[in-house]
Amino acid sequence: MLSLQSLSMRYGNGQDAVQAVGDVTLDVREGEFLTIVGPSGCGKSTVLQMIAGLMQGTSGQVTMRGRPVQAPPEGLVYLFQQYSRSLFPWMNVRDNVMFGMGGQPGVDRRQAMQSCEEYLTLVGLEGMGDRFPWQLSGGMQQRVAIARALAASPQVLLLDEPFSAVDALTRAVLHDLVLDVWQKRGLTVVLVTHDVDEAVYLSDRIALLGPRPSRVAHVYDNPLPRPRDPVATRACPEFSRLRGELLAHLLGRQP
């Protein structure tokens, strides 16, 4: 679905130049849930923005289904970390979600409203369409952002640390919501996170970036069976083993 070939990003020129991303080569399989982890400041979000076509790398190439990504491609949706800023406070929840359907051919407002209610039900916000974002908790606002992303009918969903601003219990609930949506919709998901436990719980594969200028240090296959359970999965010996290996690499130790 996605291919990153020798992707790099350099800011500035001369002695003041900063090489943020060194040489990232990575393939993302159709329908998989891939997570990118790495130390703080290694360029994880920069890589995700280059995948999305929001910025162009200094060198290398991103392709989606074999076509070069030079601007945000059709079928790809980026879910930002600061969900509260991505929602329109003057629009109610229903109109925020319907905004995600903008420009879709052959969809009138009645159809859009019906689809909107289906997306709200899918993310557990049935009956909340008339409320405004500021009337909702942080976790509920993130559900609105997820519903709006789904309303755009994506093939690929890019998630930039979308759970970092909510409490631990809400995060666990949103993890299972995203997994449920991913499986039901057959999406390809790329998640950037600094949370190792989150990466192990959600992913099919985990790409570990090294320190800046970043490169892919290792790609881990996740053997944990699906469906995942927030308690039972974390109690599996394989969960602890993979978590330990990732932490050891991030801390610069041999696993």
C-alpha atoms as a PDB file:
ATOM      1  CA  MET A   1       0.000   0.000   0.000  1.00  0.00           C
ATOM      2  CA  LEU A   2       2.777   2.435   0.996  1.00  0.00           C
ATOM      3  CA  SER A   3       6.476   2.414   0.235  1.00  0.00           C
ATOM      4  CA  LEU A   4       9.154   4.721   1.652  1.00  0.00           C
ATOM      5  CA  GLN A   5      12.410   4.602  -0.291  1.00  0.00           C
ATOM      6  CA  SER A   6      15.546   6.280   1.127  1.00  0.00           C
ATOM      7  CA  LEU A   7      13.430   9.069   2.600  1.00  0.00           C
ATOM      8  CA  SER A   8      15.325  11.949   4.229  1.00  0.00           C
ATOM      9  CA  MET A   9      14.595  15.443   5.520  1.00  0.00           C
ATOM     10  CA  ARG A  10      17.133  18.231   6.005  1.00  0.00           C
ATOM     11  CA  TYR A  11      16.254  21.655   7.394  1.00  0.00           C
ATOM     12  CA  GLY A  12      18.344  24.728   6.585  1.00  0.00           C
ATOM     13  CA  ASN A  13      21.614  25.113   4.718  1.00  0.00           C
ATOM     14  CA  GLY A  14      25.301  25.172   5.452  1.00  0.00           C
ATOM     15  CA  GLN A  15      26.571  24.914   9.020  1.00  0.00           C
ATOM     16  CA  ASP A  16      23.104  25.597  10.443  1.00  0.00           C
ATOM     17  CA  ALA A  17      21.505  22.688   8.588  1.00  0.00           C
ATOM     18  CA  VAL A  18      19.800  19.972  10.643  1.00  0.00           C
ATOM     19  CA  GLN A  19      19.427  16.450   9.280  1.00  0.00           C
ATOM     20  CA  ALA A  20      16.146  15.422  10.927  1.00  0.00           C
ATOM     21  CA  VAL A  21      15.564  12.183   9.019  1.00  0.00           C
ATOM     22  CA  GLY A  22      18.535  10.265   7.662  1.00  0.00           C
ATOM     23  CA  ASP A  23      17.508   7.407   5.384  1.00  0.00           C
ATOM     24  CA  VAL A  24      14.167   5.708   6.022  1.00  0.00           C
ATOM     25  CA  THR A  25      13.178   2.747   3.865  1.00  0.00           C
ATOM     26  CA  LEU A  26       9.996   0.936   4.837  1.00  0.00           C
ATOM     27  CA  ASP A  27       7.021  -0.818   3.224  1.00  0.00           C
ATOM     28  CA  VAL A  28       3.494  -0.823   4.681  1.00  0.00           C
ATOM     29  CA  ARG A  29       1.348  -3.766   3.646  1.00  0.00           C
ATOM     30  CA  GLU A  30      -2.261  -3.312   2.655  1.00  0.00           C
ATOM     31  CA  GLY A  31      -4.616  -3.851   5.580  1.00  0.00           C
ATOM     32  CA  GLU A  32      -1.949  -3.982   8.267  1.00  0.00           C
ATOM     33  CA  PHE A  33      -1.566  -1.959  11.458  1.00  0.00           C
ATOM     34  CA  LEU A  34       2.010  -0.678  11.551  1.00  0.00           C
ATOM     35  CA  THR A  35       3.421   1.452  14.352  1.00  0.00           C
ATOM     36  CA  ILE A  36       6.512   3.668  14.217  1.00  0.00           C
ATOM     37  CA  VAL A  37       8.367   4.196  17.496  1.00  0.00           C
ATOM     38  CA  GLY A  38      11.643   5.850  18.340  1.00  0.00           C
ATOM     39  CA  PRO A  39      13.376   8.184  20.784  1.00  0.00           C
ATOM     40  CA  SER A  40      12.104  11.716  21.292  1.00  0.00           C
ATOM     41  CA  GLY A  41      13.154  14.066  18.486  1.00  0.00           C
ATOM     42  CA  CYS A  42      14.070  11.304  16.025  1.00  0.00           C
ATOM     43  CA  GLY A  43      11.623  12.551  13.369  1.00  0.00           C
ATOM     44  CA  LYS A  44       8.688  10.138  13.758  1.00  0.00           C
ATOM     45  CA  SER A  45       6.043  12.802  13.077  1.00  0.00           C
ATOM     46  CA  THR A  46       8.144  14.233  10.242  1.00  0.00           C
ATOM     47  CA  VAL A  47       8.154  10.824   8.571  1.00  0.00           C
ATOM     48  CA  LEU A  48       4.376  10.573   8.991  1.00  0.00           C
ATOM     49  CA  GLN A  49       3.865  14.029   7.459  1.00  0.00           C
ATOM     50  CA  MET A  50       6.007  13.053   4.484  1.00  0.00           C
ATOM     51  CA  ILE A  51       3.919   9.891   4.050  1.00  0.00           C
ATOM     52  CA  ALA A  52       0.822  12.110   4.057  1.00  0.00           C
ATOM     53  CA  GLY A  53       2.231  14.467   1.424  1.00  0.00           C
ATOM     54  CA  LEU A  54       2.087  17.392   3.874  1.00  0.00           C
ATOM     55  CA  MET A  55       5.797  18.003   3.313  1.00  0.00           C
ATOM     56  CA  GLN A  56       8.310  16.845   0.745  1.00  0.00           C
ATOM     57  CA  GLY A  57      11.476  15.077   1.788  1.00  0.00           C
ATOM     58  CA  THR A  58      14.904  16.397   0.852  1.00  0.00           C
ATOM     59  CA  SER A  59      15.520  13.139  -0.987  1.00  0.00           C
ATOM     60  CA  GLY A  60      13.855   9.799  -1.492  1.00  0.00           C
ATOM     61  CA  GLN A  61      10.262   9.013  -2.372  1.00  0.00           C
ATOM     62  CA  VAL A  62       6.947   7.936  -0.905  1.00  0.00           C
ATOM     63  CA  THR A  63       4.517   5.969  -3.060  1.00  0.00           C
ATOM     64  CA  MET A  64       0.945   4.868  -2.422  1.00  0.00           C
ATOM     65  CA  ARG A  65      -0.157   1.920  -4.543  1.00  0.00           C
ATOM     66  CA  GLY A  66       2.890   2.581  -6.701  1.00  0.00           C
ATOM     67  CA  ARG A  67       2.105   6.261  -7.347  1.00  0.00           C
ATOM     68  CA  PRO A  68       4.426   8.997  -6.038  1.00  0.00           C
ATOM     69  CA  VAL A  69       2.982  11.026  -3.148  1.00  0.00           C
ATOM     70  CA  GLN A  70       3.638  14.706  -3.862  1.00  0.00           C
ATOM     71  CA  ALA A  71       0.554  16.117  -2.122  1.00  0.00           C
ATOM     72  CA  PRO A  72      -2.081  14.601   0.194  1.00  0.00           C
ATOM     73  CA  PRO A  73      -3.410  11.686  -1.902  1.00  0.00           C
ATOM     74  CA  GLU A  74      -7.020  10.656  -2.273  1.00  0.00           C
ATOM     75  CA  GLY A  75      -7.899   7.860   0.117  1.00  0.00           C
ATOM     76  CA  LEU A  76      -5.462   8.898   2.850  1.00  0.00           C
ATOM     77  CA  VAL A  77      -6.506  10.684   6.061  1.00  0.00           C
ATOM     78  CA  TYR A  78      -4.213  12.148   8.738  1.00  0.00           C
ATOM     79  CA  LEU A  79      -5.469  12.276  12.332  1.00  0.00           C
ATOM     80  CA  PHE A  80      -3.553  14.893  14.302  1.00  0.00           C
ATOM     81  CA  GLN A  81      -2.415  14.673  17.903  1.00  0.00           C
ATOM     82  CA  GLN A  82      -4.190  17.888  18.944  1.00  0.00           C
ATOM     83  CA  TYR A  83      -7.706  16.741  18.159  1.00  0.00           C
ATOM     84  CA  SER A  84      -9.342  19.661  20.009  1.00  0.00           C
ATOM     85  CA  ARG A  85      -7.721  22.078  17.564  1.00  0.00           C
ATOM     86  CA  SER A  86      -8.749  20.053  14.521  1.00  0.00           C
ATOM     87  CA  LEU A  87     -12.465  20.209  15.397  1.00  0.00           C
ATOM     88  CA  PHE A  88     -14.445  23.327  14.498  1.00  0.00           C
ATOM     89  CA  PRO A  89     -15.820  24.755  17.771  1.00  0.00           C
ATOM     90  CA  TRP A  90     -18.606  26.682  16.003  1.00  0.00           C
ATOM     91  CA  MET A  91     -19.950  23.475  14.414  1.00  0.00           C
ATOM     92  CA  ASN A  92     -21.870  20.835  16.294  1.00  0.00           C
ATOM     93  CA  VAL A  93     -20.658  17.240  16.317  1.00  0.00           C
ATOM     94  CA  ARG A  94     -22.838  16.243  13.361  1.00  0.00           C
ATOM     95  CA  ASP A  95     -21.549  19.049  11.141  1.00  0.00           C
ATOM     96  CA  ASN A  96     -17.955  18.350  12.154  1.00  0.00           C
ATOM     97  CA  VAL A  97     -18.329  14.746  11.019  1.00  0.00           C
ATOM     98  CA  MET A  98     -20.180  15.721   7.844  1.00  0.00           C
ATOM     99  CA  PHE A  99     -17.299  18.061   7.000  1.00  0.00           C
ATOM    100  CA  GLY A 100     -15.257  14.915   6.420  1.00  0.00           C
ATOM    101  CA  MET A 101     -17.598  13.990   3.574  1.00  0.00           C
ATOM    102  CA  GLY A 102     -17.093  17.277   1.769  1.00  0.00           C
ATOM    103  CA  GLY A 103     -16.584  16.953  -1.946  1.00  0.00           C
ATOM    104  CA  GLN A 104     -17.769  13.369  -2.212  1.00  0.00           C
ATOM    105  CA  PRO A 105     -19.742  13.127  -5.465  1.00  0.00           C
ATOM    106  CA  GLY A 106     -23.379  12.087  -5.464  1.00  0.00           C
ATOM    107  CA  VAL A 107     -23.966  12.577  -1.724  1.00  0.00           C
ATOM    108  CA  ASP A 108     -26.803  14.920  -0.769  1.00  0.00           C
ATOM    109  CA  ARG A 109     -27.313  16.326   2.722  1.00  0.00           C
ATOM    110  CA  ARG A 110     -29.920  13.722   3.699  1.00  0.00           C
ATOM    111  CA  GLN A 111     -27.569  10.887   2.768  1.00  0.00           C
ATOM    112  CA  ALA A 112     -24.707  12.646   4.526  1.00  0.00           C
ATOM    113  CA  MET A 113     -26.738  13.025   7.725  1.00  0.00           C
ATOM    114  CA  GLN A 114     -27.681   9.352   7.673  1.00  0.00           C
ATOM    115  CA  SER A 115     -24.074   8.323   7.144  1.00  0.00           C
ATOM    116  CA  CYS A 116     -22.998  10.703   9.894  1.00  0.00           C
ATOM    117  CA  GLU A 117     -25.273   8.993  12.415  1.00  0.00           C
ATOM    118  CA  GLU A 118     -23.799   5.632  11.409  1.00  0.00           C
ATOM    119  CA  TYR A 119     -20.257   6.897  12.041  1.00  0.00           C
ATOM    120  CA  LEU A 120     -21.261   8.402  15.391  1.00  0.00           C
ATOM    121  CA  THR A 121     -22.819   5.096  16.408  1.00  0.00           C
ATOM    122  CA  LEU A 122     -19.664   3.273  15.310  1.00  0.00           C
ATOM    123  CA  VAL A 123     -17.515   5.375  17.670  1.00  0.00           C
ATOM    124  CA  GLY A 124     -19.994   5.247  20.544  1.00  0.00           C
ATOM    125  CA  LEU A 125     -21.457   8.758  20.207  1.00  0.00           C
ATOM    126  CA  GLU A 126     -24.999   7.902  19.205  1.00  0.00           C
ATOM    127  CA  GLY A 127     -27.346  10.794  19.991  1.00  0.00           C
ATOM    128  CA  MET A 128     -24.512  13.328  20.435  1.00  0.00           C
ATOM    129  CA  GLY A 129     -24.834  15.003  17.039  1.00  0.00           C
ATOM    130  CA  ASP A 130     -26.356  18.245  18.343  1.00  0.00           C
ATOM    131  CA  ARG A 131     -23.670  18.875  20.940  1.00  0.00           C
ATOM    132  CA  PHE A 132     -20.633  21.087  20.370  1.00  0.00           C
ATOM    133  CA  PRO A 133     -17.023  19.959  20.861  1.00  0.00           C
ATOM    134  CA  TRP A 134     -16.561  22.154  23.925  1.00  0.00           C
ATOM    135  CA  GLN A 135     -19.429  20.297  25.606  1.00  0.00           C
ATOM    136  CA  LEU A 136     -17.567  16.961  25.349  1.00  0.00           C
ATOM    137  CA  SER A 137     -14.721  15.369  27.283  1.00  0.00           C
ATOM    138  CA  GLY A 138     -11.308  14.966  25.679  1.00  0.00           C
ATOM    139  CA  GLY A 139     -11.940  11.316  24.909  1.00  0.00           C
ATOM    140  CA  MET A 140     -15.288  12.095  23.296  1.00  0.00           C
ATOM    141  CA  GLN A 141     -13.723  14.854  21.197  1.00  0.00           C
ATOM    142  CA  GLN A 142     -11.168  12.352  19.951  1.00  0.00           C
ATOM    143  CA  ARG A 143     -14.020  10.014  19.005  1.00  0.00           C
ATOM    144  CA  VAL A 144     -15.539  12.850  16.952  1.00  0.00           C
ATOM    145  CA  ALA A 145     -12.199  13.324  15.192  1.00  0.00           C
ATOM    146  CA  ILE A 146     -12.062   9.585  14.452  1.00  0.00           C
ATOM    147  CA  ALA A 147     -15.635   9.622  13.116  1.00  0.00           C
ATOM    148  CA  ARG A 148     -14.816  12.581  10.852  1.00  0.00           C
ATOM    149  CA  ALA A 149     -11.717  10.772   9.571  1.00  0.00           C
ATOM    150  CA  LEU A 150     -13.827   7.709   8.761  1.00  0.00           C
ATOM    151  CA  ALA A 151     -16.419   9.878   7.023  1.00  0.00           C
ATOM    152  CA  ALA A 152     -13.799  10.687   4.400  1.00  0.00           C
ATOM    153  CA  SER A 153     -13.839   6.975   3.416  1.00  0.00           C
ATOM    154  CA  PRO A 154     -10.073   6.462   3.765  1.00  0.00           C
ATOM    155  CA  GLN A 155      -8.055   3.493   2.616  1.00  0.00           C
ATOM    156  CA  VAL A 156      -5.108   4.612   4.741  1.00  0.00           C
ATOM    157  CA  LEU A 157      -5.372   6.191   8.206  1.00  0.00           C
ATOM    158  CA  LEU A 158      -2.312   7.970   9.638  1.00  0.00           C
ATOM    159  CA  LEU A 159      -2.377   8.504  13.411  1.00  0.00           C
ATOM    160  CA  ASP A 160       0.053  11.001  14.967  1.00  0.00           C
ATOM    161  CA  GLU A 161       0.159  10.201  18.717  1.00  0.00           C
ATOM    162  CA  PRO A 162      -3.640  10.550  18.880  1.00  0.00           C
ATOM    163  CA  PHE A 163      -4.015   9.164  22.421  1.00  0.00           C
ATOM    164  CA  SER A 164      -1.257  11.053  24.235  1.00  0.00           C
ATOM    165  CA  ALA A 165      -3.511  13.812  25.603  1.00  0.00           C
ATOM    166  CA  VAL A 166      -6.106  11.589  27.302  1.00  0.00           C
ATOM    167  CA  ASP A 167      -6.008   9.697  30.585  1.00  0.00           C
ATOM    168  CA  ALA A 168      -4.941   6.058  30.805  1.00  0.00           C
ATOM    169  CA  LEU A 169      -8.448   4.585  31.055  1.00  0.00           C
ATOM    170  CA  THR A 170      -9.769   6.644  28.121  1.00  0.00           C
ATOM    171  CA  ARG A 171      -6.673   5.660  26.142  1.00  0.00           C
ATOM    172  CA  ALA A 172      -7.417   1.963  26.688  1.00  0.00           C
ATOM    173  CA  VAL A 173     -11.008   2.439  25.503  1.00  0.00           C
ATOM    174  CA  LEU A 174      -9.848   4.346  22.401  1.00  0.00           C
ATOM    175  CA  HIS A 175      -7.301   1.626  21.627  1.00  0.00           C
ATOM    176  CA  ASP A 176     -10.062  -0.957  21.373  1.00  0.00           C
ATOM    177  CA  LEU A 177     -12.263   1.442  19.400  1.00  0.00           C
ATOM    178  CA  VAL A 178      -9.530   2.009  16.798  1.00  0.00           C
ATOM    179  CA  LEU A 179      -8.818  -1.729  16.556  1.00  0.00           C
ATOM    180  CA  ASP A 180     -12.523  -2.431  16.068  1.00  0.00           C
ATOM    181  CA  VAL A 181     -12.839   0.217  13.340  1.00  0.00           C
ATOM    182  CA  TRP A 182      -9.615  -0.958  11.647  1.00  0.00           C
ATOM    183  CA  GLN A 183     -10.845  -4.538  11.463  1.00  0.00           C
ATOM    184  CA  LYS A 184     -14.400  -3.700  10.384  1.00  0.00           C
ATOM    185  CA  ARG A 185     -13.302  -1.259   7.670  1.00  0.00           C
ATOM    186  CA  GLY A 186     -10.227  -3.118   6.425  1.00  0.00           C
ATOM    187  CA  LEU A 187      -8.062  -0.013   6.748  1.00  0.00           C
ATOM    188  CA  THR A 188      -4.317   0.291   6.466  1.00  0.00           C
ATOM    189  CA  VAL A 189      -3.150   2.125   9.611  1.00  0.00           C
ATOM    190  CA  VAL A 190       0.189   3.757  10.394  1.00  0.00           C
ATOM    191  CA  LEU A 191       0.533   4.979  13.985  1.00  0.00           C
ATOM    192  CA  VAL A 192       3.318   7.135  15.414  1.00  0.00           C
ATOM    193  CA  THR A 193       3.730   6.862  19.178  1.00  0.00           C
ATOM    194  CA  HIS A 194       6.321   7.153  21.927  1.00  0.00           C
ATOM    195  CA  ASP A 195       4.371   4.653  24.060  1.00  0.00           C
ATOM    196  CA  VAL A 196       5.928   1.178  23.779  1.00  0.00           C
ATOM    197  CA  ASP A 197       2.999  -0.586  25.477  1.00  0.00           C
ATOM    198  CA  GLU A 198       0.609   1.070  23.029  1.00  0.00           C
ATOM    199  CA  ALA A 199       2.727  -0.026  20.076  1.00  0.00           C
ATOM    200  CA  VAL A 200       2.834  -3.645  21.228  1.00  0.00           C
ATOM    201  CA  TYR A 201      -0.876  -3.791  22.021  1.00  0.00           C
ATOM    202  CA  LEU A 202      -2.099  -2.365  18.699  1.00  0.00           C
ATOM    203  CA  SER A 203       0.317  -3.416  15.988  1.00  0.00           C
ATOM    204  CA  ASP A 204       0.914  -6.157  13.465  1.00  0.00           C
ATOM    205  CA  ARG A 205       4.454  -4.844  12.995  1.00  0.00           C
ATOM    206  CA  ILE A 206       6.550  -2.222  14.764  1.00  0.00           C
ATOM    207  CA  ALA A 207       9.201  -0.139  12.993  1.00  0.00           C
ATOM    208  CA  LEU A 208      11.862   1.162  15.369  1.00  0.00           C
ATOM    209  CA  LEU A 209      13.650   4.354  14.336  1.00  0.00           C
ATOM    210  CA  GLY A 210      17.108   5.150  15.630  1.00  0.00           C
ATOM    211  CA  PRO A 211      18.193   8.540  16.996  1.00  0.00           C
ATOM    212  CA  ARG A 212      18.441  11.572  14.708  1.00  0.00           C
ATOM    213  CA  PRO A 213      19.262  11.468  11.857  1.00  0.00           C
ATOM    214  CA  SER A 214      16.857   8.564  11.971  1.00  0.00           C
ATOM    215  CA  ARG A 215      16.954   5.294  10.092  1.00  0.00           C
ATOM    216  CA  VAL A 216      14.893   2.148  10.516  1.00  0.00           C
ATOM    217  CA  ALA A 217      16.901   0.225  13.088  1.00  0.00           C
ATOM    218  CA  HIS A 218      14.645  -2.819  13.202  1.00  0.00           C
ATOM    219  CA  VAL A 219      11.163  -4.011  12.206  1.00  0.00           C
ATOM    220  CA  TYR A 220       9.457  -6.350  14.655  1.00  0.00           C
ATOM    221  CA  ASP A 221       6.719  -8.814  13.753  1.00  0.00           C
ATOM    222  CA  ASN A 222       4.137  -8.917  16.536  1.00  0.00           C
ATOM    223  CA  PRO A 223       3.132 -12.523  17.343  1.00  0.00           C
ATOM    224  CA  LEU A 224       0.305 -11.612  19.728  1.00  0.00           C
ATOM    225  CA  PRO A 225      -2.985 -13.192  18.617  1.00  0.00           C
ATOM    226  CA  ARG A 226      -6.076 -11.194  17.723  1.00  0.00           C
ATOM    227  CA  PRO A 227      -8.531 -10.115  18.922  1.00  0.00           C
ATOM    228  CA  ARG A 228      -6.575  -8.264  21.587  1.00  0.00           C
ATOM    229  CA  ASP A 229      -7.865  -7.799  25.121  1.00  0.00           C
ATOM    230  CA  PRO A 230      -6.724  -4.869  27.306  1.00  0.00           C
ATOM    231  CA  VAL A 231      -6.072  -7.163  30.287  1.00  0.00           C
ATOM    232  CA  ALA A 232      -5.363 -10.640  28.904  1.00  0.00           C
ATOM    233  CA  THR A 233      -3.094  -9.480  26.053  1.00  0.00           C
ATOM    234  CA  ARG A 234      -0.893  -7.457  28.400  1.00  0.00           C
ATOM    235  CA  ALA A 235      -0.535 -10.526  30.633  1.00  0.00           C
ATOM    236  CA  CYS A 236       0.895 -12.647  27.784  1.00  0.00           C
ATOM    237  CA  PRO A 237       4.608 -13.562  28.032  1.00  0.00           C
ATOM    238  CA  GLU A 238       5.028 -12.473  24.376  1.00  0.00           C
ATOM    239  CA  PHE A 239       3.780  -8.998  25.286  1.00  0.00           C
ATOM    240  CA  SER A 240       6.439  -8.652  27.985  1.00  0.00           C
ATOM    241  CA  ARG A 241       9.156 -10.068  25.751  1.00  0.00           C
ATOM    242  CA  LEU A 242       8.474  -7.715  22.840  1.00  0.00           C
ATOM    243  CA  ARG A 243       8.025  -4.748  25.143  1.00  0.00           C
ATOM    244  CA  GLY A 244      11.378  -5.534  26.754  1.00  0.00           C
ATOM    245  CA  GLU A 245      13.182  -5.784  23.415  1.00  0.00           C
ATOM    246  CA  LEU A 246      11.805  -2.431  22.261  1.00  0.00           C
ATOM    247  CA  LEU A 247      12.722  -0.707  25.521  1.00  0.00           C
ATOM    248  CA  ALA A 248      16.202  -2.192  25.429  1.00  0.00           C
ATOM    249  CA  HIS A 249      16.807  -0.782  21.950  1.00  0.00           C
ATOM    250  CA  LEU A 250      15.349   2.614  22.875  1.00  0.00           C
ATOM    251  CA  LEU A 251      17.584   2.762  25.972  1.00  0.00           C
ATOM    252  CA  GLY A 252      20.640   1.766  23.949  1.00  0.00           C
ATOM    253  CA  ARG A 253      21.018  -1.648  25.563  1.00  0.00           C
ATOM    254  CA  GLN A 254      21.244  -5.073  23.990  1.00  0.00           C
ATOM    255  CA  PRO A 255      17.898  -6.914  24.332  1.00  0.00           C
END
